[in-house]
């Protein structure tokens, strides 16, 4: 678990650089490649879900719930970039953009 902690601390520093380089309409998605319990003595995939964090000026705070597949992120990116719909996945783009509009009503 110590290695995971150190890696997260290093990433936090790097994340500040990423955030400062984002353009006003950029959307940043951060996720992992598979769930893994850092307390277990193996690197095999475990029952853990992977995190999915989506950030940007055009998105509001939103709980996206448990996504069933990485294809949802791919479909969201395709829709945002205006490219042809992919064969798999459900875009959550409207959900995150709509939440920003709701934030303005407060």
C-alpha atoms as a PDB file:
ATOM      1  CA  UNK A   1       0.000   0.000   0.000  1.00  0.00           C
ATOM      2  CA  UNK A   2       2.957   2.347   0.549  1.00  0.00           C
ATOM      3  CA  UNK A   3       3.819   2.194  -3.148  1.00  0.00           C
ATOM      4  CA  UNK A   4       0.268   3.106  -4.085  1.00  0.00           C
ATOM      5  CA  UNK A   5       0.348   6.055  -1.695  1.00  0.00           C
ATOM      6  CA  UNK A   6       3.621   7.349  -3.138  1.00  0.00           C
ATOM      7  CA  UNK A   7       2.362   6.967  -6.689  1.00  0.00           C
ATOM      8  CA  UNK A   8      -0.808   8.906  -5.858  1.00  0.00           C
ATOM      9  CA  UNK A   9       1.208  11.705  -4.273  1.00  0.00           C
ATOM     10  CA  UNK A  10       3.402  11.948  -7.375  1.00  0.00           C
ATOM     11  CA  UNK A  11       0.351  11.983  -9.611  1.00  0.00           C
ATOM     12  CA  UNK A  12      -1.234  14.771  -7.543  1.00  0.00           C
ATOM     13  CA  UNK A  13       1.780  16.975  -8.311  1.00  0.00           C
ATOM     14  CA  UNK A  14       1.623  16.084 -12.015  1.00  0.00           C
ATOM     15  CA  UNK A  15      -2.136  16.718 -12.055  1.00  0.00           C
ATOM     16  CA  UNK A  16      -1.612  20.377 -11.183  1.00  0.00           C
ATOM     17  CA  UNK A  17       0.448  20.762 -14.379  1.00  0.00           C
ATOM     18  CA  UNK A  18      -2.235  19.015 -16.422  1.00  0.00           C
ATOM     19  CA  UNK A  19      -5.002  21.215 -15.024  1.00  0.00           C
ATOM     20  CA  UNK A  20      -3.068  24.405 -15.727  1.00  0.00           C
ATOM     21  CA  UNK A  21      -2.619  23.402 -19.379  1.00  0.00           C
ATOM     22  CA  UNK A  22      -6.312  22.681 -20.048  1.00  0.00           C
ATOM     23  CA  UNK A  23      -8.120  24.940 -22.483  1.00  0.00           C
ATOM     24  CA  UNK A  24     -11.529  26.352 -21.414  1.00  0.00           C
ATOM     25  CA  UNK A  25     -13.507  23.717 -23.335  1.00  0.00           C
ATOM     26  CA  UNK A  26     -11.233  20.726 -22.594  1.00  0.00           C
ATOM     27  CA  UNK A  27     -12.561  17.781 -20.618  1.00  0.00           C
ATOM     28  CA  UNK A  28     -10.114  15.646 -18.653  1.00  0.00           C
ATOM     29  CA  UNK A  29     -11.011  12.035 -17.818  1.00  0.00           C
ATOM     30  CA  UNK A  30      -8.882  10.090 -15.359  1.00  0.00           C
ATOM     31  CA  UNK A  31      -9.382   6.384 -14.793  1.00  0.00           C
ATOM     32  CA  UNK A  32      -7.485   3.188 -14.079  1.00  0.00           C
ATOM     33  CA  UNK A  33      -7.017   0.145 -16.266  1.00  0.00           C
ATOM     34  CA  UNK A  34      -8.436  -2.336 -13.726  1.00  0.00           C
ATOM     35  CA  UNK A  35      -9.503  -2.649 -10.120  1.00  0.00           C
ATOM     36  CA  UNK A  36      -6.865  -3.894  -7.711  1.00  0.00           C
ATOM     37  CA  UNK A  37      -6.837  -4.123  -3.927  1.00  0.00           C
ATOM     38  CA  UNK A  38      -3.468  -2.643  -2.876  1.00  0.00           C
ATOM     39  CA  UNK A  39      -3.561  -4.545   0.414  1.00  0.00           C
ATOM     40  CA  UNK A  40      -3.414  -7.944  -1.303  1.00  0.00           C
ATOM     41  CA  UNK A  41      -0.033  -9.512  -2.132  1.00  0.00           C
ATOM     42  CA  UNK A  42      -0.881  -9.921  -5.810  1.00  0.00           C
ATOM     43  CA  UNK A  43      -1.315  -7.667  -8.821  1.00  0.00           C
ATOM     44  CA  UNK A  44      -4.229  -9.734 -10.140  1.00  0.00           C
ATOM     45  CA  UNK A  45      -7.490  -7.948 -10.839  1.00  0.00           C
ATOM     46  CA  UNK A  46      -9.745  -7.983  -7.801  1.00  0.00           C
ATOM     47  CA  UNK A  47     -13.310  -6.997  -7.053  1.00  0.00           C
ATOM     48  CA  UNK A  48     -12.478  -3.280  -6.832  1.00  0.00           C
ATOM     49  CA  UNK A  49     -14.108  -0.852  -9.214  1.00  0.00           C
ATOM     50  CA  UNK A  50     -11.867   1.553 -11.100  1.00  0.00           C
ATOM     51  CA  UNK A  51     -12.260   5.258 -10.466  1.00  0.00           C
ATOM     52  CA  UNK A  52     -13.551   7.562 -13.163  1.00  0.00           C
ATOM     53  CA  UNK A  53     -13.032  11.266 -12.587  1.00  0.00           C
ATOM     54  CA  UNK A  54     -14.157  13.792 -15.195  1.00  0.00           C
ATOM     55  CA  UNK A  55     -13.046  17.404 -14.886  1.00  0.00           C
ATOM     56  CA  UNK A  56     -13.277  20.622 -16.863  1.00  0.00           C
ATOM     57  CA  UNK A  57     -14.817  24.090 -17.029  1.00  0.00           C
ATOM     58  CA  UNK A  58     -17.742  22.783 -19.085  1.00  0.00           C
ATOM     59  CA  UNK A  59     -18.717  19.978 -16.703  1.00  0.00           C
ATOM     60  CA  UNK A  60     -20.367  20.184 -13.338  1.00  0.00           C
ATOM     61  CA  UNK A  61     -20.057  17.993 -10.262  1.00  0.00           C
ATOM     62  CA  UNK A  62     -21.953  14.791 -10.954  1.00  0.00           C
ATOM     63  CA  UNK A  63     -22.063  11.262  -9.587  1.00  0.00           C
ATOM     64  CA  UNK A  64     -21.960   9.077 -12.679  1.00  0.00           C
ATOM     65  CA  UNK A  65     -22.712   5.961 -10.646  1.00  0.00           C
ATOM     66  CA  UNK A  66     -21.189   2.616 -11.499  1.00  0.00           C
ATOM     67  CA  UNK A  67     -20.362   2.379 -15.188  1.00  0.00           C
ATOM     68  CA  UNK A  68     -20.518  -1.090 -16.668  1.00  0.00           C
ATOM     69  CA  UNK A  69     -17.758  -0.694 -19.223  1.00  0.00           C
ATOM     70  CA  UNK A  70     -14.844   1.438 -20.414  1.00  0.00           C
ATOM     71  CA  UNK A  71     -16.772   1.748 -23.660  1.00  0.00           C
ATOM     72  CA  UNK A  72     -18.939   4.393 -21.976  1.00  0.00           C
ATOM     73  CA  UNK A  73     -15.913   6.671 -21.697  1.00  0.00           C
ATOM     74  CA  UNK A  74     -14.989   6.005 -25.324  1.00  0.00           C
ATOM     75  CA  UNK A  75     -18.525   6.751 -26.486  1.00  0.00           C
ATOM     76  CA  UNK A  76     -18.509   9.977 -24.455  1.00  0.00           C
ATOM     77  CA  UNK A  77     -15.218  11.080 -26.016  1.00  0.00           C
ATOM     78  CA  UNK A  78     -16.506  10.253 -29.503  1.00  0.00           C
ATOM     79  CA  UNK A  79     -19.645  12.319 -28.962  1.00  0.00           C
ATOM     80  CA  UNK A  80     -17.712  15.272 -27.527  1.00  0.00           C
ATOM     81  CA  UNK A  81     -15.242  15.234 -30.421  1.00  0.00           C
ATOM     82  CA  UNK A  82     -18.056  14.932 -32.972  1.00  0.00           C
ATOM     83  CA  UNK A  83     -16.854  11.672 -34.481  1.00  0.00           C
ATOM     84  CA  UNK A  84     -18.903   8.702 -35.603  1.00  0.00           C
ATOM     85  CA  UNK A  85     -20.722   6.734 -32.915  1.00  0.00           C
ATOM     86  CA  UNK A  86     -18.769   3.723 -31.683  1.00  0.00           C
ATOM     87  CA  UNK A  87     -20.154   0.177 -31.732  1.00  0.00           C
ATOM     88  CA  UNK A  88     -20.282  -0.089 -27.933  1.00  0.00           C
ATOM     89  CA  UNK A  89     -20.894   2.055 -24.892  1.00  0.00           C
ATOM     90  CA  UNK A  90     -23.336   4.693 -23.674  1.00  0.00           C
ATOM     91  CA  UNK A  91     -22.221   8.311 -23.659  1.00  0.00           C
ATOM     92  CA  UNK A  92     -22.621  10.245 -20.416  1.00  0.00           C
ATOM     93  CA  UNK A  93     -21.716  13.568 -22.056  1.00  0.00           C
ATOM     94  CA  UNK A  94     -25.202  15.074 -21.800  1.00  0.00           C
ATOM     95  CA  UNK A  95     -25.370  14.056 -18.162  1.00  0.00           C
ATOM     96  CA  UNK A  96     -22.187  15.908 -17.216  1.00  0.00           C
ATOM     97  CA  UNK A  97     -22.865  18.954 -19.396  1.00  0.00           C
ATOM     98  CA  UNK A  98     -26.444  19.237 -18.199  1.00  0.00           C
ATOM     99  CA  UNK A  99     -25.289  19.186 -14.583  1.00  0.00           C
ATOM    100  CA  UNK A 100     -23.328  22.391 -15.243  1.00  0.00           C
ATOM    101  CA  UNK A 101     -26.512  24.130 -16.419  1.00  0.00           C
ATOM    102  CA  UNK A 102     -28.263  23.021 -13.218  1.00  0.00           C
ATOM    103  CA  UNK A 103     -25.450  24.498 -11.129  1.00  0.00           C
ATOM    104  CA  UNK A 104     -26.170  27.934 -12.609  1.00  0.00           C
ATOM    105  CA  UNK A 105     -29.714  27.853 -11.236  1.00  0.00           C
ATOM    106  CA  UNK A 106     -28.546  27.906  -7.606  1.00  0.00           C
END
